[in-house]
Amino acid sequence: DDIVSYEVEINPLAKAEYAQLLNKRNSFYQMNPHAEMPVEQEVFDYLYEVTKGRLRHVFGLLQRLINHLSIGDLTDRITLDIAKPM
């Protein structure tokens, strides 16, 4: 986004494709099969709706939430109740 000097329109993923992408990414990076994501699925769903499916915005907002909440210090998991007001 920062290096492109002209507008490129990319349609967002459908919600089913978005869920599939998250599941695939999670399973790829999950080293421990019992580990849980630090962000609840409801937060991903909410951010998908709020950003109209724009992945760059979804993950940008997640990064800001994680940085602001200092995962591990204040909370071990970002729930929709925590994320929505922010």
PDB file of N, CA and C in Angstrom:
ATOM      1  N   ASP A   1       0.820  -1.198   0.000  1.00  0.00           N
ATOM      2  CA  ASP A   1       0.000   0.000   0.000  1.00  0.00           C
ATOM      3  C   ASP A   1       0.861   1.259   0.000  1.00  0.00           C
ATOM      4  N   ASP A   2       1.964   1.247   0.728  1.00  0.00           N
ATOM      5  CA  ASP A   2       2.792   2.439   0.835  1.00  0.00           C
ATOM      6  C   ASP A   2       3.651   2.690  -0.403  1.00  0.00           C
ATOM      7  N   ILE A   3       3.927   1.655  -1.180  1.00  0.00           N
ATOM      8  CA  ILE A   3       4.830   1.844  -2.316  1.00  0.00           C
ATOM      9  C   ILE A   3       4.099   1.964  -3.651  1.00  0.00           C
ATOM     10  N   VAL A   4       2.797   1.746  -3.670  1.00  0.00           N
ATOM     11  CA  VAL A   4       2.045   1.855  -4.911  1.00  0.00           C
ATOM     12  C   VAL A   4       1.651   3.309  -5.095  1.00  0.00           C
ATOM     13  N   SER A   5       2.001   3.875  -6.250  1.00  0.00           N
ATOM     14  CA  SER A   5       1.733   5.291  -6.472  1.00  0.00           C
ATOM     15  C   SER A   5       0.424   5.537  -7.207  1.00  0.00           C
ATOM     16  N   TYR A   6      -0.313   4.503  -7.512  1.00  0.00           N
ATOM     17  CA  TYR A   6      -1.618   4.672  -8.133  1.00  0.00           C
ATOM     18  C   TYR A   6      -2.580   3.681  -7.516  1.00  0.00           C
ATOM     19  N   GLU A   7      -3.849   3.985  -7.631  1.00  0.00           N
ATOM     20  CA  GLU A   7      -4.868   3.177  -6.976  1.00  0.00           C
ATOM     21  C   GLU A   7      -5.089   1.853  -7.703  1.00  0.00           C
ATOM     22  N   VAL A   8      -5.084   0.777  -6.945  1.00  0.00           N
ATOM     23  CA  VAL A   8      -5.350  -0.555  -7.475  1.00  0.00           C
ATOM     24  C   VAL A   8      -6.562  -1.087  -6.732  1.00  0.00           C
ATOM     25  N   GLU A   9      -7.588  -1.422  -7.474  1.00  0.00           N
ATOM     26  CA  GLU A   9      -8.803  -1.916  -6.827  1.00  0.00           C
ATOM     27  C   GLU A   9      -8.793  -3.435  -6.782  1.00  0.00           C
ATOM     28  N   ILE A  10      -8.864  -3.965  -5.571  1.00  0.00           N
ATOM     29  CA  ILE A  10      -8.910  -5.402  -5.364  1.00  0.00           C
ATOM     30  C   ILE A  10     -10.172  -5.694  -4.568  1.00  0.00           C
ATOM     31  N   ASN A  11     -11.018  -6.529  -5.130  1.00  0.00           N
ATOM     32  CA  ASN A  11     -12.256  -6.871  -4.439  1.00  0.00           C
ATOM     33  C   ASN A  11     -11.960  -7.693  -3.191  1.00  0.00           C
ATOM     34  N   PRO A  12     -12.704  -7.451  -2.105  1.00  0.00           N
ATOM     35  CA  PRO A  12     -12.484  -8.231  -0.882  1.00  0.00           C
ATOM     36  C   PRO A  12     -12.900  -9.685  -1.073  1.00  0.00           C
ATOM     37  N   LEU A  13     -12.342 -10.544  -0.232  1.00  0.00           N
ATOM     38  CA  LEU A  13     -12.728 -11.947  -0.243  1.00  0.00           C
ATOM     39  C   LEU A  13     -14.159 -12.089   0.264  1.00  0.00           C
ATOM     40  N   ALA A  14     -14.833 -13.105  -0.224  1.00  0.00           N
ATOM     41  CA  ALA A  14     -16.143 -13.444   0.337  1.00  0.00           C
ATOM     42  C   ALA A  14     -15.926 -13.932   1.757  1.00  0.00           C
ATOM     43  N   LYS A  15     -16.960 -13.849   2.584  1.00  0.00           N
ATOM     44  CA  LYS A  15     -16.806 -14.215   3.997  1.00  0.00           C
ATOM     45  C   LYS A  15     -16.357 -15.674   4.155  1.00  0.00           C
ATOM     46  N   ALA A  16     -16.848 -16.578   3.316  1.00  0.00           N
ATOM     47  CA  ALA A  16     -16.435 -17.990   3.384  1.00  0.00           C
ATOM     48  C   ALA A  16     -14.957 -18.139   3.036  1.00  0.00           C
ATOM     49  N   GLU A  17     -14.495 -17.391   2.033  1.00  0.00           N
ATOM     50  CA  GLU A  17     -13.080 -17.432   1.662  1.00  0.00           C
ATOM     51  C   GLU A  17     -12.211 -16.834   2.765  1.00  0.00           C
ATOM     52  N   TYR A  18     -12.709 -15.801   3.404  1.00  0.00           N
ATOM     53  CA  TYR A  18     -12.007 -15.159   4.521  1.00  0.00           C
ATOM     54  C   TYR A  18     -11.826 -16.148   5.674  1.00  0.00           C
ATOM     55  N   ALA A  19     -12.890 -16.872   6.012  1.00  0.00           N
ATOM     56  CA  ALA A  19     -12.816 -17.877   7.084  1.00  0.00           C
ATOM     57  C   ALA A  19     -11.833 -18.982   6.706  1.00  0.00           C
ATOM     58  N   GLN A  20     -11.869 -19.393   5.461  1.00  0.00           N
ATOM     59  CA  GLN A  20     -10.956 -20.435   4.987  1.00  0.00           C
ATOM     60  C   GLN A  20      -9.505 -19.952   5.063  1.00  0.00           C
ATOM     61  N   LEU A  21      -9.258 -18.715   4.697  1.00  0.00           N
ATOM     62  CA  LEU A  21      -7.920 -18.136   4.769  1.00  0.00           C
ATOM     63  C   LEU A  21      -7.416 -18.119   6.203  1.00  0.00           C
ATOM     64  N   LEU A  22      -8.253 -17.685   7.148  1.00  0.00           N
ATOM     65  CA  LEU A  22      -7.857 -17.641   8.554  1.00  0.00           C
ATOM     66  C   LEU A  22      -7.560 -19.035   9.087  1.00  0.00           C
ATOM     67  N   ASN A  23      -8.408 -20.008   8.755  1.00  0.00           N
ATOM     68  CA  ASN A  23      -8.195 -21.383   9.213  1.00  0.00           C
ATOM     69  C   ASN A  23      -6.903 -21.971   8.651  1.00  0.00           C
ATOM     70  N   LYS A  24      -6.655 -21.715   7.372  1.00  0.00           N
ATOM     71  CA  LYS A  24      -5.446 -22.239   6.741  1.00  0.00           C
ATOM     72  C   LYS A  24      -4.202 -21.600   7.350  1.00  0.00           C
ATOM     73  N   ARG A  25      -4.245 -20.293   7.549  1.00  0.00           N
ATOM     74  CA  ARG A  25      -3.093 -19.590   8.137  1.00  0.00           C
ATOM     75  C   ARG A  25      -2.854 -20.065   9.567  1.00  0.00           C
ATOM     76  N   ASN A  26      -3.917 -20.235  10.325  1.00  0.00           N
ATOM     77  CA  ASN A  26      -3.801 -20.699  11.697  1.00  0.00           C
ATOM     78  C   ASN A  26      -3.208 -22.108  11.752  1.00  0.00           C
ATOM     79  N   SER A  27      -3.689 -22.998  10.914  1.00  0.00           N
ATOM     80  CA  SER A  27      -3.178 -24.373  10.936  1.00  0.00           C
ATOM     81  C   SER A  27      -1.725 -24.439  10.453  1.00  0.00           C
ATOM     82  N   PHE A  28      -1.363 -23.544   9.539  1.00  0.00           N
ATOM     83  CA  PHE A  28       0.011 -23.523   9.030  1.00  0.00           C
ATOM     84  C   PHE A  28       0.999 -23.099  10.112  1.00  0.00           C
ATOM     85  N   TYR A  29       0.647 -22.085  10.889  1.00  0.00           N
ATOM     86  CA  TYR A  29       1.559 -21.542  11.890  1.00  0.00           C
ATOM     87  C   TYR A  29       1.427 -22.177  13.269  1.00  0.00           C
ATOM     88  N   GLN A  30       0.433 -22.991  13.465  1.00  0.00           N
ATOM     89  CA  GLN A  30       0.200 -23.571  14.779  1.00  0.00           C
ATOM     90  C   GLN A  30       1.145 -24.751  15.008  1.00  0.00           C
ATOM     91  N   MET A  31       2.107 -24.564  15.874  1.00  0.00           N
ATOM     92  CA  MET A  31       3.066 -25.623  16.180  1.00  0.00           C
ATOM     93  C   MET A  31       2.500 -26.590  17.209  1.00  0.00           C
ATOM     94  N   ASN A  32       1.747 -26.072  18.153  1.00  0.00           N
ATOM     95  CA  ASN A  32       1.138 -26.894  19.185  1.00  0.00           C
ATOM     96  C   ASN A  32      -0.350 -27.039  18.865  1.00  0.00           C
ATOM     97  N   PRO A  33      -0.829 -28.270  18.642  1.00  0.00           N
ATOM     98  CA  PRO A  33      -2.235 -28.454  18.263  1.00  0.00           C
ATOM     99  C   PRO A  33      -3.221 -28.031  19.352  1.00  0.00           C
ATOM    100  N   HIS A  34      -2.743 -27.839  20.576  1.00  0.00           N
ATOM    101  CA  HIS A  34      -3.621 -27.420  21.676  1.00  0.00           C
ATOM    102  C   HIS A  34      -3.587 -25.911  21.919  1.00  0.00           C
ATOM    103  N   ALA A  35      -2.739 -25.219  21.192  1.00  0.00           N
ATOM    104  CA  ALA A  35      -2.640 -23.769  21.350  1.00  0.00           C
ATOM    105  C   ALA A  35      -3.898 -23.105  20.788  1.00  0.00           C
ATOM    106  N   GLU A  36      -4.257 -21.983  21.376  1.00  0.00           N
ATOM    107  CA  GLU A  36      -5.422 -21.235  20.918  1.00  0.00           C
ATOM    108  C   GLU A  36      -4.976 -19.881  20.388  1.00  0.00           C
ATOM    109  N   MET A  37      -5.741 -19.375  19.433  1.00  0.00           N
ATOM    110  CA  MET A  37      -5.481 -18.048  18.898  1.00  0.00           C
ATOM    111  C   MET A  37      -5.689 -17.023  20.002  1.00  0.00           C
ATOM    112  N   PRO A  38      -4.859 -15.990  20.053  1.00  0.00           N
ATOM    113  CA  PRO A  38      -5.047 -14.962  21.078  1.00  0.00           C
ATOM    114  C   PRO A  38      -6.208 -14.021  20.765  1.00  0.00           C
ATOM    115  N   VAL A  39      -6.803 -14.193  19.597  1.00  0.00           N
ATOM    116  CA  VAL A  39      -7.931 -13.362  19.181  1.00  0.00           C
ATOM    117  C   VAL A  39      -9.105 -14.280  18.874  1.00  0.00           C
ATOM    118  N   GLU A  40     -10.251 -13.996  19.477  1.00  0.00           N
ATOM    119  CA  GLU A  40     -11.436 -14.824  19.238  1.00  0.00           C
ATOM    120  C   GLU A  40     -11.931 -14.667  17.802  1.00  0.00           C
ATOM    121  N   GLN A  41     -12.536 -15.718  17.285  1.00  0.00           N
ATOM    122  CA  GLN A  41     -13.079 -15.705  15.928  1.00  0.00           C
ATOM    123  C   GLN A  41     -14.099 -14.584  15.747  1.00  0.00           C
ATOM    124  N   GLU A  42     -14.860 -14.290  16.786  1.00  0.00           N
ATOM    125  CA  GLU A  42     -15.864 -13.230  16.707  1.00  0.00           C
ATOM    126  C   GLU A  42     -15.242 -11.869  16.409  1.00  0.00           C
ATOM    127  N   VAL A  43     -14.008 -11.661  16.880  1.00  0.00           N
ATOM    128  CA  VAL A  43     -13.302 -10.409  16.601  1.00  0.00           C
ATOM    129  C   VAL A  43     -12.950 -10.340  15.118  1.00  0.00           C
ATOM    130  N   PHE A  44     -12.452 -11.440  14.569  1.00  0.00           N
ATOM    131  CA  PHE A  44     -12.161 -11.486  13.130  1.00  0.00           C
ATOM    132  C   PHE A  44     -13.427 -11.220  12.321  1.00  0.00           C
ATOM    133  N   ASP A  45     -14.535 -11.844  12.711  1.00  0.00           N
ATOM    134  CA  ASP A  45     -15.799 -11.659  11.994  1.00  0.00           C
ATOM    135  C   ASP A  45     -16.266 -10.212  12.067  1.00  0.00           C
ATOM    136  N   TYR A  46     -16.166  -9.623  13.249  1.00  0.00           N
ATOM    137  CA  TYR A  46     -16.579  -8.232  13.444  1.00  0.00           C
ATOM    138  C   TYR A  46     -15.728  -7.295  12.580  1.00  0.00           C
ATOM    139  N   LEU A  47     -14.415  -7.504  12.595  1.00  0.00           N
ATOM    140  CA  LEU A  47     -13.534  -6.646  11.806  1.00  0.00           C
ATOM    141  C   LEU A  47     -13.771  -6.821  10.312  1.00  0.00           C
ATOM    142  N   TYR A  48     -14.126  -8.026   9.902  1.00  0.00           N
ATOM    143  CA  TYR A  48     -14.471  -8.260   8.498  1.00  0.00           C
ATOM    144  C   TYR A  48     -15.664  -7.392   8.108  1.00  0.00           C
ATOM    145  N   GLU A  49     -16.673  -7.382   8.962  1.00  0.00           N
ATOM    146  CA  GLU A  49     -17.880  -6.597   8.686  1.00  0.00           C
ATOM    147  C   GLU A  49     -17.578  -5.100   8.699  1.00  0.00           C
ATOM    148  N   VAL A  50     -16.847  -4.650   9.709  1.00  0.00           N
ATOM    149  CA  VAL A  50     -16.552  -3.224   9.860  1.00  0.00           C
ATOM    150  C   VAL A  50     -15.722  -2.694   8.687  1.00  0.00           C
ATOM    151  N   THR A  51     -14.786  -3.490   8.213  1.00  0.00           N
ATOM    152  CA  THR A  51     -13.890  -3.048   7.138  1.00  0.00           C
ATOM    153  C   THR A  51     -14.386  -3.429   5.753  1.00  0.00           C
ATOM    154  N   LYS A  52     -15.577  -4.035   5.703  1.00  0.00           N
ATOM    155  CA  LYS A  52     -16.154  -4.492   4.431  1.00  0.00           C
ATOM    156  C   LYS A  52     -15.239  -5.495   3.725  1.00  0.00           C
ATOM    157  N   GLY A  53     -14.552  -6.320   4.548  1.00  0.00           N
ATOM    158  CA  GLY A  53     -13.743  -7.409   4.009  1.00  0.00           C
ATOM    159  C   GLY A  53     -12.368  -7.029   3.514  1.00  0.00           C
ATOM    160  N   ARG A  54     -11.919  -5.827   3.775  1.00  0.00           N
ATOM    161  CA  ARG A  54     -10.592  -5.402   3.305  1.00  0.00           C
ATOM    162  C   ARG A  54      -9.536  -5.940   4.273  1.00  0.00           C
ATOM    163  N   LEU A  55      -8.828  -6.958   3.831  1.00  0.00           N
ATOM    164  CA  LEU A  55      -7.879  -7.670   4.692  1.00  0.00           C
ATOM    165  C   LEU A  55      -6.802  -6.776   5.268  1.00  0.00           C
ATOM    166  N   ARG A  56      -6.313  -5.842   4.485  1.00  0.00           N
ATOM    167  CA  ARG A  56      -5.263  -4.939   4.967  1.00  0.00           C
ATOM    168  C   ARG A  56      -5.755  -4.187   6.192  1.00  0.00           C
ATOM    169  N   HIS A  57      -7.016  -3.770   6.164  1.00  0.00           N
ATOM    170  CA  HIS A  57      -7.580  -3.041   7.299  1.00  0.00           C
ATOM    171  C   HIS A  57      -7.855  -3.970   8.478  1.00  0.00           C
ATOM    172  N   VAL A  58      -8.324  -5.187   8.203  1.00  0.00           N
ATOM    173  CA  VAL A  58      -8.571  -6.156   9.273  1.00  0.00           C
ATOM    174  C   VAL A  58      -7.285  -6.402  10.041  1.00  0.00           C
ATOM    175  N   PHE A  59      -6.218  -6.735   9.339  1.00  0.00           N
ATOM    176  CA  PHE A  59      -4.966  -7.076  10.014  1.00  0.00           C
ATOM    177  C   PHE A  59      -4.275  -5.850  10.594  1.00  0.00           C
ATOM    178  N   GLY A  60      -4.481  -4.689   9.988  1.00  0.00           N
ATOM    179  CA  GLY A  60      -3.948  -3.458  10.562  1.00  0.00           C
ATOM    180  C   GLY A  60      -4.605  -3.146  11.902  1.00  0.00           C
ATOM    181  N   LEU A  61      -5.928  -3.310  11.963  1.00  0.00           N
ATOM    182  CA  LEU A  61      -6.648  -3.081  13.221  1.00  0.00           C
ATOM    183  C   LEU A  61      -6.261  -4.114  14.273  1.00  0.00           C
ATOM    184  N   LEU A  62      -6.089  -5.356  13.852  1.00  0.00           N
ATOM    185  CA  LEU A  62      -5.648  -6.387  14.801  1.00  0.00           C
ATOM    186  C   LEU A  62      -4.274  -6.055  15.376  1.00  0.00           C
ATOM    187  N   GLN A  63      -3.378  -5.604  14.527  1.00  0.00           N
ATOM    188  CA  GLN A  63      -2.039  -5.238  14.991  1.00  0.00           C
ATOM    189  C   GLN A  63      -2.115  -4.113  16.006  1.00  0.00           C
ATOM    190  N   ARG A  64      -2.965  -3.121  15.739  1.00  0.00           N
ATOM    191  CA  ARG A  64      -3.116  -2.011  16.678  1.00  0.00           C
ATOM    192  C   ARG A  64      -3.716  -2.486  17.998  1.00  0.00           C
ATOM    193  N   LEU A  65      -4.708  -3.371  17.934  1.00  0.00           N
ATOM    194  CA  LEU A  65      -5.301  -3.914  19.158  1.00  0.00           C
ATOM    195  C   LEU A  65      -4.259  -4.659  19.985  1.00  0.00           C
ATOM    196  N   ILE A  66      -3.504  -5.509  19.335  1.00  0.00           N
ATOM    197  CA  ILE A  66      -2.498  -6.305  20.039  1.00  0.00           C
ATOM    198  C   ILE A  66      -1.436  -5.401  20.649  1.00  0.00           C
ATOM    199  N   ASN A  67      -0.977  -4.418  19.895  1.00  0.00           N
ATOM    200  CA  ASN A  67       0.026  -3.490  20.429  1.00  0.00           C
ATOM    201  C   ASN A  67      -0.531  -2.696  21.601  1.00  0.00           C
ATOM    202  N   HIS A  68      -1.769  -2.256  21.484  1.00  0.00           N
ATOM    203  CA  HIS A  68      -2.374  -1.437  22.544  1.00  0.00           C
ATOM    204  C   HIS A  68      -2.635  -2.248  23.807  1.00  0.00           C
ATOM    205  N   LEU A  69      -3.056  -3.476  23.644  1.00  0.00           N
ATOM    206  CA  LEU A  69      -3.401  -4.299  24.795  1.00  0.00           C
ATOM    207  C   LEU A  69      -2.216  -5.050  25.378  1.00  0.00           C
ATOM    208  N   SER A  70      -1.094  -5.041  24.692  1.00  0.00           N
ATOM    209  CA  SER A  70       0.100  -5.754  25.161  1.00  0.00           C
ATOM    210  C   SER A  70      -0.253  -7.183  25.566  1.00  0.00           C
ATOM    211  N   ILE A  71      -0.592  -7.993  24.596  1.00  0.00           N
ATOM    212  CA  ILE A  71      -0.975  -9.377  24.851  1.00  0.00           C
ATOM    213  C   ILE A  71       0.050 -10.027  25.765  1.00  0.00           C
ATOM    214  N   GLY A  72      -0.418 -10.678  26.792  1.00  0.00           N
ATOM    215  CA  GLY A  72       0.446 -11.327  27.759  1.00  0.00           C
ATOM    216  C   GLY A  72       0.546 -10.525  29.043  1.00  0.00           C
ATOM    217  N   ASP A  73       0.546  -9.197  28.931  1.00  0.00           N
ATOM    218  CA  ASP A  73       0.637  -8.347  30.121  1.00  0.00           C
ATOM    219  C   ASP A  73      -0.745  -8.106  30.727  1.00  0.00           C
ATOM    220  N   LEU A  74      -1.693  -7.698  29.880  1.00  0.00           N
ATOM    221  CA  LEU A  74      -3.007  -7.341  30.395  1.00  0.00           C
ATOM    222  C   LEU A  74      -4.048  -8.426  30.172  1.00  0.00           C
ATOM    223  N   THR A  75      -3.945  -9.099  29.067  1.00  0.00           N
ATOM    224  CA  THR A  75      -4.933 -10.119  28.731  1.00  0.00           C
ATOM    225  C   THR A  75      -4.269 -11.204  27.898  1.00  0.00           C
ATOM    226  N   ASP A  76      -4.795 -12.400  27.971  1.00  0.00           N
ATOM    227  CA  ASP A  76      -4.247 -13.487  27.166  1.00  0.00           C
ATOM    228  C   ASP A  76      -5.043 -13.707  25.891  1.00  0.00           C
ATOM    229  N   ARG A  77      -6.186 -13.033  25.795  1.00  0.00           N
ATOM    230  CA  ARG A  77      -7.062 -13.266  24.657  1.00  0.00           C
ATOM    231  C   ARG A  77      -7.878 -12.016  24.379  1.00  0.00           C
ATOM    232  N   ILE A  78      -7.971 -11.638  23.111  1.00  0.00           N
ATOM    233  CA  ILE A  78      -8.791 -10.497  22.731  1.00  0.00           C
ATOM    234  C   ILE A  78     -10.182 -11.021  22.373  1.00  0.00           C
ATOM    235  N   THR A  79     -11.141 -10.604  23.156  1.00  0.00           N
ATOM    236  CA  THR A  79     -12.538 -10.993  22.924  1.00  0.00           C
ATOM    237  C   THR A  79     -13.260  -9.839  22.218  1.00  0.00           C
ATOM    238  N   LEU A  80     -14.432 -10.124  21.718  1.00  0.00           N
ATOM    239  CA  LEU A  80     -15.227  -9.087  21.060  1.00  0.00           C
ATOM    240  C   LEU A  80     -15.602  -7.991  22.055  1.00  0.00           C
ATOM    241  N   ASP A  81     -15.858  -8.355  23.308  1.00  0.00           N
ATOM    242  CA  ASP A  81     -16.195  -7.348  24.330  1.00  0.00           C
ATOM    243  C   ASP A  81     -15.046  -6.371  24.556  1.00  0.00           C
ATOM    244  N   ILE A  82     -13.823  -6.844  24.426  1.00  0.00           N
ATOM    245  CA  ILE A  82     -12.653  -5.976  24.590  1.00  0.00           C
ATOM    246  C   ILE A  82     -12.412  -5.177  23.318  1.00  0.00           C
ATOM    247  N   ALA A  83     -12.505  -5.822  22.164  1.00  0.00           N
ATOM    248  CA  ALA A  83     -12.139  -5.193  20.896  1.00  0.00           C
ATOM    249  C   ALA A  83     -13.152  -4.176  20.398  1.00  0.00           C
ATOM    250  N   LYS A  84     -14.426  -4.462  20.557  1.00  0.00           N
ATOM    251  CA  LYS A  84     -15.471  -3.623  19.962  1.00  0.00           C
ATOM    252  C   LYS A  84     -15.414  -2.163  20.426  1.00  0.00           C
ATOM    253  N   PRO A  85     -15.283  -1.881  21.713  1.00  0.00           N
ATOM    254  CA  PRO A  85     -15.210  -0.476  22.118  1.00  0.00           C
ATOM    255  C   PRO A  85     -13.974   0.265  21.617  1.00  0.00           C
ATOM    256  N   MET A  86     -12.912  -0.491  21.368  1.00  0.00           N
ATOM    257  CA  MET A  86     -11.671   0.129  20.929  1.00  0.00           C
ATOM    258  C   MET A  86     -11.756   0.506  19.466  1.00  0.00           C
TER     259      MET A  86
END
